[in-house]
Amino acid sequence: MEHEIKQETHSPSGSSDNEDDYDGDDYDGDSVAIIQLNGGDEFEADLVMLFNDEQISVTIFAPCQSSGTSIEKHIVDLIRQAFVDTFNNTLANAILDIIQPAGEEEFRRVAPKAPALSSHRSNTKLHSLLYPKTHYFAFRREAPDAQPKIVPMSSSEVQARVWAPPLNEDCVDGNFEEIRSLLSHQHHLPRYTTNDINVIEEILSGGTVTRVRVVPRNNGDGVDSHDNHDIHTASNDLLCKATDYASGLMACPTLRRELVCLLTLHENKYQASSSSAPTETMRVCTPRLVGLVTHPENRRIVGFVREWIPGKRLADVLKREKRGKPLSAHHKQRWAQQLRASVDALHALGLVWGDGKTGNLIVGVGGADDVTAVRQGEEKAPIGDLWLIDFGGGWTDEWVDSDKENTIQGDEQAVQNILDALRI
């Protein structure tokens, strides 16, 4: 289980919405903020926090025979509670009030107090966002009758926790088999390491969703490719989705699901480009898959890059209409037709959109005036094509019922709710 400070929607793993942004606190002059919680099992959990701008991971080990009154078990229970209740300042403070004093000496050793005017981290490479330098500690007892202490983890412990074992057949699910099969037919698909990707905008904290540009790809033989495709790609903004687990797709089922969808669409030439309107042979408005993202050390696939669609989410466009700025019936009818055709095309390929809602639809720009307005953040609504995004699956209240998650029936329910929102 994993809970990050910001979550967008319900997901298959059971993480929940969170509207309460936690900004950290000041403990005796130390800047401390929890950025991630991971609930392992009943007697183990861990958290990641920023301490004086350094990233620190603390794993809590509760003795298996411990009662509910042990301090380690109490922390584990607090972390697990984050998956039931909304993560908020009260919960964060309850955890930090125990962890920070217990580890203050060790934490300050690796992360001294930052100067008063210290600036926040400024990373431009995707790798430094996904895999920042992290100091690993354990909160545990060295003997059954001893008091628990925060101590540095050994290098072997860190290696075992951070680097997952090689993929074996027990770990392979249907999505893995599909990805393997699809990739076997698409040797031409470029691969970029996380060191070859420059981040322009961090959309989700931690670098898991970013707006990026890439450098020309390496063919794997040490020779960089400089063909026209790469030169064009390097000069354009792209959207990147990646996992912050070095083990790659094995650790992220939603990312695997989305990649399967994009690879299937790519193989069937159903992906359009925002630079031209979709044709009859490209019956689905989904952004073009550009390439795969790999870890530079183990070469495992950790994500993908796809075309960036300039425009605004349909949810935001409809909010504008509620503020008294009506949309033309012509544009809304066209969007409705594109939505219907796109979802039908997905289903014809055996794919399911999943988390269908107005927030997962982009209204692209329809001309030079639209481009300028979007870049300048003007109120003018874009009037281009309607693009489907986010194939990670899941469901969102008021759009899809939980029992219809990741089904054709769920997609149909989402389409009808979107059409109702368009007032078609």
Protein backbone atom coordinates (compact mmCIF):
# COMPACT_ATOMS: atom_id res chain seq x y z
CA MET A 1 0.00 0.00 0.00
CA GLU A 2 1.19 3.49 -0.72
CA HIS A 3 -0.19 6.89 0.08
CA GLU A 4 1.29 10.06 -1.34
CA ILE A 5 0.41 13.51 -0.12
CA LYS A 6 -1.57 14.23 -3.27
CA GLN A 7 -3.90 11.72 -4.91
CA GLU A 8 -6.24 12.53 -7.78
CA THR A 9 -8.84 9.75 -7.82
CA HIS A 10 -9.71 6.32 -6.55
CA SER A 11 -7.32 3.73 -7.91
CA PRO A 12 -7.18 -0.06 -7.98
CA SER A 13 -4.77 -0.10 -5.06
CA GLY A 14 -7.36 1.59 -2.83
CA SER A 15 -5.68 4.95 -2.35
CA SER A 16 -8.14 7.73 -1.65
CA ASP A 17 -8.79 11.33 -2.60
CA ASN A 18 -6.97 13.93 -0.58
CA GLU A 19 -7.81 17.61 -0.71
CA ASP A 20 -5.89 18.54 2.44
CA ASP A 21 -2.40 19.65 1.41
CA TYR A 22 0.22 19.08 4.10
CA ASP A 23 3.06 21.60 3.99
CA GLY A 24 5.25 20.34 6.82
CA ASP A 25 6.23 21.92 10.12
CA ASP A 26 9.10 23.47 12.00
CA TYR A 27 10.61 21.32 14.77
CA ASP A 28 13.25 23.27 16.71
CA GLY A 29 14.27 25.04 13.54
CA ASP A 30 14.29 21.88 11.42
CA SER A 31 12.07 21.88 8.36
CA VAL A 32 10.16 18.58 8.31
CA ALA A 33 7.45 17.32 5.96
CA ILE A 34 6.11 13.84 5.20
CA ILE A 35 5.89 13.26 1.46
CA GLN A 36 4.95 9.57 1.29
CA LEU A 37 3.57 6.78 3.48
CA ASN A 38 3.84 3.06 2.73
CA GLY A 39 1.90 0.47 4.70
CA GLY A 40 3.56 -2.91 4.35
CA ASP A 41 1.74 -5.22 6.74
CA GLU A 42 0.40 -5.28 10.30
CA PHE A 43 3.86 -5.00 11.84
CA GLU A 44 5.82 -2.97 9.31
CA ALA A 45 5.44 0.36 7.52
CA ASP A 46 7.64 3.16 6.30
CA LEU A 47 7.52 6.84 5.52
CA VAL A 48 9.51 9.23 3.38
CA MET A 49 10.01 12.80 4.51
CA LEU A 50 11.94 15.92 3.65
CA PHE A 51 14.17 16.93 6.54
CA ASN A 52 15.99 20.22 5.94
CA ASP A 53 15.58 19.62 2.20
CA GLU A 54 17.14 16.13 2.37
CA GLN A 55 15.04 13.05 1.62
CA ILE A 56 14.89 10.55 4.48
CA SER A 57 13.19 7.14 4.58
CA VAL A 58 12.29 5.53 7.90
CA THR A 59 11.06 1.94 8.11
CA ILE A 60 9.20 1.03 11.29
CA PHE A 61 9.55 -2.57 12.48
CA ALA A 62 7.10 -3.58 15.21
CA PRO A 63 7.85 -6.84 17.07
CA CYS A 64 5.40 -9.49 15.88
CA GLN A 65 4.50 -10.28 19.48
CA SER A 66 4.05 -6.59 20.34
CA SER A 67 0.79 -5.42 21.77
CA GLY A 68 -1.19 -2.47 20.51
CA THR A 69 0.54 -0.32 23.14
CA SER A 70 4.08 -0.59 21.71
CA ILE A 71 5.28 2.64 20.16
CA GLU A 72 6.33 0.93 16.92
CA LYS A 73 2.93 -0.72 16.51
CA HIS A 74 1.26 2.61 17.23
CA ILE A 75 3.16 4.28 14.37
CA VAL A 76 2.42 1.40 11.99
CA ASP A 77 -1.28 1.72 12.86
CA LEU A 78 -1.19 5.49 12.25
CA ILE A 79 0.30 4.96 8.81
CA ARG A 80 -2.24 2.28 7.97
CA GLN A 81 -4.98 4.63 9.13
CA ALA A 82 -4.00 6.95 6.27
CA PHE A 83 -5.59 4.45 3.91
CA VAL A 84 -8.91 4.66 5.71
CA ASP A 85 -9.10 8.31 6.71
CA THR A 86 -8.02 11.37 4.77
CA PHE A 87 -4.37 12.14 5.38
CA ASN A 88 -4.25 15.48 7.20
CA ASN A 89 -2.16 17.65 9.48
CA THR A 90 -3.39 15.91 12.64
CA LEU A 91 -2.30 12.50 11.39
CA ALA A 92 1.01 13.83 10.04
CA ASN A 93 1.80 15.62 13.29
CA ALA A 94 0.98 12.52 15.36
CA ILE A 95 3.54 10.54 13.35
CA LEU A 96 6.20 13.26 13.32
CA ASP A 97 5.81 13.94 17.06
CA ILE A 98 7.23 10.45 17.60
CA ILE A 99 9.64 10.05 14.71
CA GLN A 100 11.30 13.47 14.72
CA PRO A 101 12.50 13.50 18.38
CA ALA A 102 13.58 9.85 18.18
CA GLY A 103 15.69 10.44 15.09
CA GLU A 104 16.67 14.08 15.55
CA GLU A 105 20.36 13.38 16.17
CA GLU A 106 20.71 10.98 13.24
CA PHE A 107 18.63 13.14 10.92
CA ARG A 108 20.67 16.25 11.66
CA ARG A 109 23.86 14.30 11.03
CA VAL A 110 22.87 13.69 7.39
CA ALA A 111 20.70 16.80 6.97
CA PRO A 112 21.94 19.81 8.96
CA LYS A 113 19.64 22.75 9.49
CA ALA A 114 19.10 24.64 6.30
CA PRO A 115 19.94 28.38 6.15
CA ALA A 116 16.99 30.68 6.74
CA LEU A 117 16.88 31.70 3.07
CA SER A 118 17.43 28.21 1.69
CA SER A 119 15.57 27.62 -1.54
CA HIS A 120 13.63 24.49 -2.38
CA ARG A 121 15.17 21.76 -4.49
CA SER A 122 15.39 22.66 -8.15
CA ASN A 123 15.80 19.55 -10.28
CA THR A 124 15.73 19.53 -14.05
CA LYS A 125 16.57 15.89 -14.80
CA LEU A 126 13.79 13.35 -14.41
CA HIS A 127 16.18 10.95 -12.70
CA SER A 128 16.89 13.36 -9.84
CA LEU A 129 13.16 13.79 -9.22
CA LEU A 130 12.24 10.11 -9.36
CA TYR A 131 15.30 8.80 -7.54
CA PRO A 132 16.67 11.57 -5.32
CA LYS A 133 19.47 10.81 -2.91
CA THR A 134 17.79 9.20 0.09
CA HIS A 135 19.07 8.42 3.60
CA TYR A 136 17.63 5.17 4.94
CA PHE A 137 16.88 4.51 8.61
CA ALA A 138 15.07 1.88 10.66
CA PHE A 139 13.00 2.37 13.82
CA ARG A 140 13.32 -0.89 15.77
CA ARG A 141 14.55 -2.63 18.93
CA GLU A 142 17.96 -4.23 19.04
CA ALA A 143 16.73 -6.60 21.78
CA PRO A 144 13.22 -7.53 22.98
CA ASP A 145 13.66 -5.65 26.27
CA ALA A 146 15.41 -2.62 24.71
CA GLN A 147 13.87 0.68 23.75
CA PRO A 148 13.28 1.23 20.03
CA LYS A 149 15.77 3.51 18.30
CA ILE A 150 16.21 5.09 14.90
CA VAL A 151 19.41 3.72 13.40
CA PRO A 152 20.92 3.83 9.89
CA MET A 153 20.12 0.87 7.68
CA SER A 154 23.01 -1.21 6.44
CA SER A 155 23.90 -1.09 2.76
CA SER A 156 22.65 -4.68 2.33
CA GLU A 157 19.30 -3.78 3.89
CA VAL A 158 18.93 -0.76 1.61
CA GLN A 159 19.86 -2.85 -1.42
CA ALA A 160 17.23 -5.45 -0.54
CA ARG A 161 14.48 -2.84 -0.02
CA VAL A 162 15.20 -0.49 -2.90
CA TRP A 163 16.20 -2.89 -5.65
CA ALA A 164 13.55 -5.51 -6.21
CA PRO A 165 14.73 -8.99 -7.30
CA PRO A 166 14.74 -9.81 -11.02
CA LEU A 167 11.35 -10.46 -12.52
CA ASN A 168 10.29 -14.10 -12.29
CA GLU A 169 7.31 -15.94 -13.67
CA ASP A 170 5.44 -15.67 -10.36
CA CYS A 171 5.42 -11.88 -10.76
CA VAL A 172 4.19 -11.87 -14.36
CA ASP A 173 0.56 -10.97 -14.89
CA GLY A 174 -1.51 -10.53 -18.04
CA ASN A 175 -0.32 -6.97 -18.54
CA PHE A 176 3.32 -8.06 -18.52
CA GLU A 177 2.65 -10.70 -21.14
CA GLU A 178 0.81 -8.17 -23.31
CA ILE A 179 3.64 -5.64 -22.98
CA ARG A 180 6.21 -8.25 -23.93
CA SER A 181 4.21 -9.30 -26.96
CA LEU A 182 3.52 -5.74 -28.09
CA LEU A 183 7.15 -4.68 -27.68
CA SER A 184 8.34 -7.67 -29.68
CA HIS A 185 6.58 -6.10 -32.69
CA GLN A 186 7.80 -2.57 -32.01
CA HIS A 187 11.60 -2.63 -31.95
CA HIS A 188 11.60 0.83 -33.53
CA LEU A 189 10.02 2.45 -30.47
CA PRO A 190 12.66 4.78 -28.97
CA ARG A 191 13.91 4.29 -25.42
CA TYR A 192 15.15 7.15 -23.25
CA THR A 193 16.77 6.82 -19.85
CA THR A 194 15.65 9.00 -16.96
CA ASN A 195 18.95 10.88 -17.33
CA ASP A 196 18.03 11.85 -20.89
CA ILE A 197 14.79 13.60 -19.94
CA ASN A 198 14.63 17.25 -18.92
CA VAL A 199 11.68 18.26 -16.74
CA ILE A 200 9.87 21.45 -17.68
CA GLU A 201 6.98 21.13 -15.24
CA GLU A 202 6.38 18.79 -12.30
CA ILE A 203 2.67 17.94 -12.51
CA LEU A 204 2.64 15.43 -9.63
CA SER A 205 5.17 15.64 -6.81
CA GLY A 206 8.07 13.23 -7.03
CA GLY A 207 8.33 13.32 -10.82
CA THR A 208 5.82 10.55 -11.55
CA VAL A 209 3.89 12.81 -13.96
CA THR A 210 5.86 15.56 -15.67
CA ARG A 211 5.98 17.79 -18.71
CA VAL A 212 9.32 17.11 -20.35
CA ARG A 213 11.64 17.33 -23.32
CA VAL A 214 13.99 14.54 -24.32
CA VAL A 215 17.44 14.34 -25.84
CA PRO A 216 17.95 12.21 -28.97
CA ARG A 217 17.74 8.53 -28.09
CA ASN A 218 20.59 6.05 -27.90
CA ASN A 219 20.16 2.94 -30.04
CA GLY A 220 21.74 0.73 -27.40
CA ASP A 221 25.05 0.38 -29.24
CA GLY A 222 26.56 3.57 -27.85
CA VAL A 223 25.74 5.60 -30.95
CA ASP A 224 23.23 8.39 -30.63
CA SER A 225 20.50 8.61 -33.23
CA HIS A 226 20.01 12.00 -34.86
CA ASP A 227 17.30 11.24 -37.40
CA ASN A 228 14.52 13.67 -38.16
CA HIS A 229 12.16 11.94 -35.73
CA ASP A 230 14.52 12.48 -32.80
CA ILE A 231 15.29 16.07 -33.72
CA HIS A 232 11.57 16.82 -33.94
CA THR A 233 10.85 15.03 -30.64
CA ALA A 234 13.65 16.84 -28.79
CA SER A 235 12.17 20.21 -29.73
CA ASN A 236 8.65 19.45 -28.50
CA ASP A 237 7.04 19.20 -25.08
CA LEU A 238 5.98 15.70 -24.06
CA LEU A 239 4.11 14.21 -21.13
CA CYS A 240 6.00 11.60 -19.13
CA LYS A 241 4.57 9.07 -16.69
CA ALA A 242 7.02 6.99 -14.69
CA THR A 243 7.31 5.03 -11.48
CA ASP A 244 9.72 6.05 -8.75
CA TYR A 245 10.45 2.37 -8.07
CA ALA A 246 13.72 1.31 -9.70
CA SER A 247 12.22 -2.16 -10.17
CA GLY A 248 10.10 -0.62 -12.91
CA LEU A 249 6.69 -1.67 -14.17
CA MET A 250 6.63 -4.65 -11.81
CA ALA A 251 5.85 -2.20 -8.99
CA CYS A 252 3.15 -0.18 -10.73
CA PRO A 253 0.06 -1.95 -12.12
CA THR A 254 -1.69 1.28 -13.17
CA LEU A 255 1.33 2.30 -15.26
CA ARG A 256 1.44 -1.17 -16.83
CA ARG A 257 -2.22 -0.90 -17.72
CA GLU A 258 -1.80 2.48 -19.36
CA LEU A 259 1.24 1.35 -21.33
CA VAL A 260 -0.65 -1.69 -22.63
CA CYS A 261 -3.40 0.61 -23.90
CA LEU A 262 -0.99 3.04 -25.55
CA LEU A 263 1.08 0.25 -27.13
CA THR A 264 -2.06 -1.43 -28.49
CA LEU A 265 -3.31 1.85 -29.96
CA HIS A 266 0.15 2.54 -31.38
CA GLU A 267 0.40 -0.90 -32.98
CA ASN A 268 -3.02 -0.51 -34.59
CA LYS A 269 -2.19 3.04 -35.79
CA TYR A 270 -5.16 4.44 -33.88
CA GLN A 271 -3.23 7.33 -32.38
CA ALA A 272 -3.53 10.77 -33.91
CA SER A 273 -1.23 13.75 -33.60
CA SER A 274 -2.33 17.09 -32.18
CA SER A 275 -0.78 18.75 -35.23
CA SER A 276 -3.52 17.36 -37.48
CA ALA A 277 -7.13 16.33 -37.05
CA PRO A 278 -7.84 12.60 -36.60
CA THR A 279 -8.68 10.82 -39.86
CA GLU A 280 -11.05 7.96 -40.49
CA THR A 281 -8.16 5.50 -40.05
CA MET A 282 -7.33 7.14 -36.72
CA ARG A 283 -10.68 6.77 -35.08
CA VAL A 284 -9.58 7.42 -31.53
CA CYS A 285 -8.33 10.76 -30.20
CA THR A 286 -5.50 9.65 -27.91
CA PRO A 287 -2.04 11.24 -27.74
CA ARG A 288 0.69 9.61 -29.80
CA LEU A 289 3.08 7.33 -27.90
CA VAL A 290 6.62 8.67 -28.43
CA GLY A 291 8.84 6.25 -26.55
CA LEU A 292 9.68 4.26 -23.43
CA VAL A 293 11.54 5.46 -20.34
CA THR A 294 14.16 3.18 -18.78
CA HIS A 295 16.31 3.19 -15.66
CA PRO A 296 19.93 3.94 -16.64
CA GLU A 297 21.41 1.25 -14.36
CA ASN A 298 19.19 -1.82 -14.69
CA ARG A 299 17.58 -0.84 -18.06
CA ARG A 300 14.12 -1.79 -16.82
CA ILE A 301 11.18 0.10 -18.28
CA VAL A 302 9.97 2.60 -15.69
CA GLY A 303 7.56 4.65 -17.80
CA PHE A 304 6.76 6.22 -21.13
CA VAL A 305 6.62 9.57 -22.92
CA ARG A 306 3.71 10.60 -25.09
CA GLU A 307 2.71 13.66 -27.03
CA TRP A 308 1.76 16.71 -24.99
CA ILE A 309 -1.69 17.99 -25.96
CA PRO A 310 -1.90 21.79 -25.56
CA GLY A 311 -5.33 22.75 -24.32
CA LYS A 312 -7.48 22.54 -21.22
CA ARG A 313 -9.32 19.79 -19.42
CA LEU A 314 -12.96 19.54 -20.38
CA ALA A 315 -13.82 19.92 -16.69
CA ASP A 316 -12.22 23.38 -16.69
CA VAL A 317 -13.85 24.33 -19.99
CA LEU A 318 -17.27 23.45 -18.56
CA LYS A 319 -16.56 25.46 -15.40
CA ARG A 320 -16.03 28.46 -17.66
CA GLU A 321 -19.49 27.91 -19.13
CA LYS A 322 -20.99 27.92 -15.64
CA ARG A 323 -19.43 31.34 -15.10
CA GLY A 324 -21.66 32.72 -17.83
CA LYS A 325 -19.48 32.16 -20.89
CA PRO A 326 -21.51 29.72 -23.02
CA LEU A 327 -19.98 27.21 -25.41
CA SER A 328 -21.33 26.78 -28.91
CA ALA A 329 -23.67 23.85 -29.49
CA HIS A 330 -21.62 22.99 -32.58
CA HIS A 331 -18.44 22.43 -30.58
CA LYS A 332 -20.21 20.44 -27.89
CA GLN A 333 -21.84 18.20 -30.47
CA ARG A 334 -18.47 17.57 -32.12
CA TRP A 335 -16.89 16.70 -28.78
CA ALA A 336 -19.75 14.32 -28.03
CA GLN A 337 -19.25 12.57 -31.37
CA GLN A 338 -15.49 12.31 -30.85
CA LEU A 339 -15.99 10.92 -27.35
CA ARG A 340 -18.42 8.28 -28.58
CA ALA A 341 -16.23 7.28 -31.54
CA SER A 342 -13.10 7.13 -29.41
CA VAL A 343 -14.59 4.94 -26.70
CA ASP A 344 -16.16 2.64 -29.32
CA ALA A 345 -12.75 2.30 -30.99
CA LEU A 346 -11.14 1.36 -27.68
CA HIS A 347 -13.73 -1.32 -27.05
CA ALA A 348 -13.26 -2.68 -30.59
CA LEU A 349 -9.60 -3.24 -29.72
CA GLY A 350 -10.51 -4.98 -26.47
CA LEU A 351 -9.46 -1.98 -24.38
CA VAL A 352 -11.28 -0.18 -21.57
CA TRP A 353 -10.75 3.51 -20.82
CA GLY A 354 -11.30 3.07 -17.08
CA ASP A 355 -11.47 6.29 -15.10
CA GLY A 356 -13.74 8.15 -17.51
CA LYS A 357 -14.64 11.72 -16.52
CA THR A 358 -14.39 15.29 -17.79
CA GLY A 359 -11.09 15.63 -15.92
CA ASN A 360 -9.57 12.95 -18.17
CA LEU A 361 -10.51 14.69 -21.41
CA ILE A 362 -8.48 17.47 -23.01
CA VAL A 363 -10.00 20.05 -25.35
CA GLY A 364 -7.14 20.74 -27.71
CA VAL A 365 -6.32 24.07 -29.29
CA GLY A 366 -8.06 24.85 -32.56
CA GLY A 367 -5.73 27.42 -34.08
CA ALA A 368 -3.12 30.11 -33.44
CA ASP A 369 -5.47 32.19 -31.28
CA ASP A 370 -6.20 29.15 -29.12
CA VAL A 371 -2.49 28.40 -28.68
CA THR A 372 -1.78 31.95 -27.55
CA ALA A 373 -4.74 32.01 -25.16
CA VAL A 374 -3.78 28.70 -23.50
CA ARG A 375 -0.14 29.72 -23.09
CA GLN A 376 -1.14 33.03 -21.53
CA GLY A 377 -3.76 31.45 -19.28
CA GLU A 378 -6.57 33.52 -20.75
CA GLU A 379 -10.23 32.78 -20.11
CA LYS A 380 -10.90 31.96 -23.74
CA ALA A 381 -11.85 28.29 -24.01
CA PRO A 382 -10.04 26.15 -26.61
CA ILE A 383 -12.26 24.76 -29.35
CA GLY A 384 -10.12 22.00 -30.87
CA ASP A 385 -10.57 18.23 -30.81
CA LEU A 386 -11.48 16.24 -27.69
CA TRP A 387 -8.67 13.95 -26.52
CA LEU A 388 -8.90 10.96 -24.16
CA ILE A 389 -6.09 10.75 -21.59
CA ASP A 390 -5.21 8.57 -18.58
CA PHE A 391 -5.63 4.85 -19.16
CA GLY A 392 -4.40 3.82 -15.73
CA GLY A 393 -7.85 2.61 -14.73
CA GLY A 394 -9.77 3.13 -11.51
CA TRP A 395 -12.97 5.00 -10.91
CA THR A 396 -14.21 8.34 -9.56
CA ASP A 397 -17.37 9.03 -7.58
CA GLU A 398 -20.23 10.53 -9.60
CA TRP A 399 -18.73 9.31 -12.88
CA VAL A 400 -18.36 5.53 -12.54
CA ASP A 401 -19.73 3.16 -9.89
CA SER A 402 -17.09 1.21 -8.00
CA ASP A 403 -18.57 -2.15 -9.05
CA LYS A 404 -18.13 -1.12 -12.72
CA GLU A 405 -14.45 -0.25 -12.34
CA ASN A 406 -12.39 -1.01 -15.48
CA THR A 407 -15.31 -2.49 -17.42
CA ILE A 408 -17.09 -1.62 -20.65
CA GLN A 409 -20.19 -0.96 -18.53
CA GLY A 410 -18.18 1.55 -16.52
CA ASP A 411 -17.04 3.29 -19.70
CA GLU A 412 -20.64 3.50 -20.91
CA GLN A 413 -21.72 5.00 -17.61
CA ALA A 414 -18.88 7.54 -17.80
CA VAL A 415 -19.78 8.50 -21.39
CA GLN A 416 -23.39 9.12 -20.44
CA ASN A 417 -22.37 11.24 -17.43
CA ILE A 418 -19.99 13.24 -19.62
CA LEU A 419 -22.73 13.81 -22.21
CA ASP A 420 -25.00 14.97 -19.39
CA ALA A 421 -22.28 17.39 -18.27
CA LEU A 422 -22.11 18.71 -21.85
CA ARG A 423 -25.90 19.08 -21.77
CA ILE A 424 -26.23 17.28 -25.09
